[in-house]
Amino acid sequence: LINLRTFIAVKLDGVQRGLMGEIIKRLEQKGFCLVAMKFMHTSEDLLKEPVLAMKHHSWQ
């Protein structure tokens, strides 16, 4: 059995529209298991970090 982790971000409008419960429900119905949740405000620089880190991958 392979143990993979997936990062999921819900943008502000999704939170404001009250979609968190529905999003979690749909993920669990697909077989995902929620192991952690973190609410945070981010800066634009922080949001760009993962994109910059993945630029060197050949699959992009």
N, C-alpha and C. Protein backbone atom coordinates (compact mmCIF):
# COMPACT_ATOMS: atom_id res chain seq x y z
N LEU A 1 0.84 -1.19 0.00
CA LEU A 1 0.00 0.00 0.00
C LEU A 1 0.88 1.24 0.00
N ILE A 2 0.64 2.14 -0.93
CA ILE A 2 1.42 3.37 -1.05
C ILE A 2 0.77 4.46 -0.19
N ASN A 3 1.60 5.15 0.58
CA ASN A 3 1.12 6.23 1.43
C ASN A 3 1.53 7.56 0.81
N LEU A 4 0.60 8.25 0.18
CA LEU A 4 0.87 9.54 -0.45
C LEU A 4 0.15 10.64 0.31
N ARG A 5 0.72 11.84 0.27
CA ARG A 5 0.08 13.00 0.87
C ARG A 5 -0.16 14.04 -0.20
N THR A 6 -1.28 14.70 -0.11
CA THR A 6 -1.66 15.72 -1.08
C THR A 6 -1.96 17.02 -0.36
N PHE A 7 -1.42 18.11 -0.86
CA PHE A 7 -1.69 19.44 -0.30
C PHE A 7 -2.86 20.04 -1.05
N ILE A 8 -3.81 20.56 -0.32
CA ILE A 8 -4.98 21.20 -0.92
C ILE A 8 -5.14 22.57 -0.28
N ALA A 9 -5.29 23.59 -1.11
CA ALA A 9 -5.51 24.95 -0.62
C ALA A 9 -6.88 25.42 -1.07
N VAL A 10 -7.61 25.99 -0.15
CA VAL A 10 -8.91 26.58 -0.48
C VAL A 10 -8.74 28.09 -0.40
N LYS A 11 -9.05 28.75 -1.49
CA LYS A 11 -8.88 30.20 -1.54
C LYS A 11 -9.93 30.90 -0.66
N LEU A 12 -9.68 32.17 -0.40
CA LEU A 12 -10.51 32.96 0.49
C LEU A 12 -11.98 32.94 0.09
N ASP A 13 -12.27 33.03 -1.20
CA ASP A 13 -13.68 33.06 -1.61
C ASP A 13 -14.39 31.75 -1.28
N GLY A 14 -13.67 30.63 -1.34
CA GLY A 14 -14.27 29.35 -0.97
C GLY A 14 -14.60 29.28 0.50
N VAL A 15 -13.72 29.85 1.33
CA VAL A 15 -13.96 29.89 2.77
C VAL A 15 -15.13 30.83 3.06
N GLN A 16 -15.12 32.01 2.43
CA GLN A 16 -16.18 32.99 2.66
C GLN A 16 -17.55 32.46 2.23
N ARG A 17 -17.57 31.65 1.20
CA ARG A 17 -18.84 31.09 0.70
C ARG A 17 -19.28 29.86 1.49
N GLY A 18 -18.50 29.47 2.50
CA GLY A 18 -18.88 28.36 3.36
C GLY A 18 -18.75 27.00 2.71
N LEU A 19 -17.75 26.84 1.83
CA LEU A 19 -17.59 25.59 1.09
C LEU A 19 -16.66 24.58 1.75
N MET A 20 -16.06 24.93 2.87
CA MET A 20 -15.08 24.03 3.49
C MET A 20 -15.68 22.66 3.81
N GLY A 21 -16.84 22.62 4.40
CA GLY A 21 -17.47 21.34 4.74
C GLY A 21 -17.74 20.50 3.51
N GLU A 22 -18.24 21.11 2.46
CA GLU A 22 -18.53 20.39 1.22
C GLU A 22 -17.25 19.88 0.56
N ILE A 23 -16.19 20.68 0.59
CA ILE A 23 -14.91 20.27 0.01
C ILE A 23 -14.36 19.07 0.77
N ILE A 24 -14.37 19.13 2.09
CA ILE A 24 -13.88 18.02 2.91
C ILE A 24 -14.73 16.78 2.67
N LYS A 25 -16.04 16.93 2.61
CA LYS A 25 -16.93 15.79 2.37
C LYS A 25 -16.61 15.12 1.05
N ARG A 26 -16.42 15.90 0.00
CA ARG A 26 -16.13 15.33 -1.32
C ARG A 26 -14.79 14.61 -1.34
N LEU A 27 -13.79 15.18 -0.67
CA LEU A 27 -12.48 14.53 -0.61
C LEU A 27 -12.58 13.19 0.12
N GLU A 28 -13.28 13.17 1.24
CA GLU A 28 -13.44 11.93 2.00
C GLU A 28 -14.22 10.89 1.21
N GLN A 29 -15.21 11.32 0.42
CA GLN A 29 -15.97 10.38 -0.41
C GLN A 29 -15.08 9.76 -1.49
N LYS A 30 -14.04 10.49 -1.90
CA LYS A 30 -13.10 9.97 -2.90
C LYS A 30 -12.02 9.09 -2.27
N GLY A 31 -12.05 8.95 -0.94
CA GLY A 31 -11.09 8.08 -0.27
C GLY A 31 -9.93 8.79 0.40
N PHE A 32 -9.90 10.11 0.34
CA PHE A 32 -8.84 10.86 1.02
C PHE A 32 -9.12 10.88 2.52
N CYS A 33 -8.04 10.93 3.30
CA CYS A 33 -8.16 10.99 4.76
C CYS A 33 -7.50 12.30 5.22
N LEU A 34 -8.27 13.16 5.84
CA LEU A 34 -7.75 14.44 6.32
C LEU A 34 -6.88 14.20 7.54
N VAL A 35 -5.61 14.60 7.47
CA VAL A 35 -4.70 14.40 8.60
C VAL A 35 -4.33 15.70 9.30
N ALA A 36 -4.51 16.85 8.62
CA ALA A 36 -4.20 18.13 9.24
C ALA A 36 -4.90 19.25 8.48
N MET A 37 -5.16 20.33 9.20
CA MET A 37 -5.76 21.49 8.58
C MET A 37 -5.15 22.73 9.23
N LYS A 38 -4.84 23.72 8.41
CA LYS A 38 -4.23 24.93 8.93
C LYS A 38 -4.84 26.13 8.21
N PHE A 39 -5.34 27.07 8.98
CA PHE A 39 -5.86 28.31 8.42
C PHE A 39 -4.79 29.38 8.58
N MET A 40 -4.51 30.11 7.51
CA MET A 40 -3.49 31.14 7.60
C MET A 40 -3.69 32.21 6.54
N HIS A 41 -3.21 33.40 6.84
CA HIS A 41 -3.14 34.48 5.86
C HIS A 41 -1.72 34.44 5.32
N THR A 42 -1.57 34.56 4.02
CA THR A 42 -0.25 34.47 3.42
C THR A 42 0.11 35.74 2.67
N SER A 43 1.41 35.92 2.51
CA SER A 43 1.89 37.03 1.69
C SER A 43 2.03 36.54 0.25
N GLU A 44 2.12 37.45 -0.68
CA GLU A 44 2.29 37.07 -2.08
C GLU A 44 3.60 36.31 -2.28
N ASP A 45 4.66 36.72 -1.56
CA ASP A 45 5.95 36.04 -1.67
C ASP A 45 5.85 34.58 -1.24
N LEU A 46 5.13 34.32 -0.16
CA LEU A 46 4.97 32.95 0.32
C LEU A 46 4.21 32.10 -0.69
N LEU A 47 3.23 32.68 -1.34
CA LEU A 47 2.45 31.94 -2.33
C LEU A 47 3.27 31.59 -3.56
N LYS A 48 4.28 32.38 -3.88
CA LYS A 48 5.12 32.13 -5.05
C LYS A 48 6.19 31.07 -4.80
N GLU A 49 6.55 30.80 -3.54
CA GLU A 49 7.63 29.87 -3.22
C GLU A 49 7.49 28.49 -3.86
N PRO A 50 6.34 27.81 -3.74
CA PRO A 50 6.24 26.47 -4.35
C PRO A 50 6.41 26.50 -5.86
N VAL A 51 5.92 27.53 -6.51
CA VAL A 51 6.06 27.64 -7.97
C VAL A 51 7.52 27.79 -8.35
N LEU A 52 8.24 28.62 -7.64
CA LEU A 52 9.66 28.81 -7.93
C LEU A 52 10.45 27.54 -7.65
N ALA A 53 10.09 26.81 -6.62
CA ALA A 53 10.81 25.58 -6.27
C ALA A 53 10.60 24.49 -7.31
N MET A 54 9.48 24.51 -8.04
CA MET A 54 9.18 23.45 -9.00
C MET A 54 9.58 23.81 -10.43
N LYS A 55 10.11 24.99 -10.66
CA LYS A 55 10.45 25.40 -12.03
C LYS A 55 11.46 24.47 -12.69
N HIS A 56 12.34 23.84 -11.93
CA HIS A 56 13.38 23.01 -12.52
C HIS A 56 12.90 21.61 -12.90
N HIS A 57 11.68 21.22 -12.55
CA HIS A 57 11.18 19.89 -12.88
C HIS A 57 10.90 19.78 -14.37
N SER A 58 11.23 18.64 -14.95
CA SER A 58 11.08 18.44 -16.39
C SER A 58 9.62 18.28 -16.80
N TRP A 59 8.72 17.93 -15.88
CA TRP A 59 7.34 17.70 -16.24
C TRP A 59 6.54 18.98 -16.40
N GLN A 60 7.16 20.12 -16.18
CA GLN A 60 6.44 21.39 -16.36
C GLN A 60 6.69 21.94 -17.73
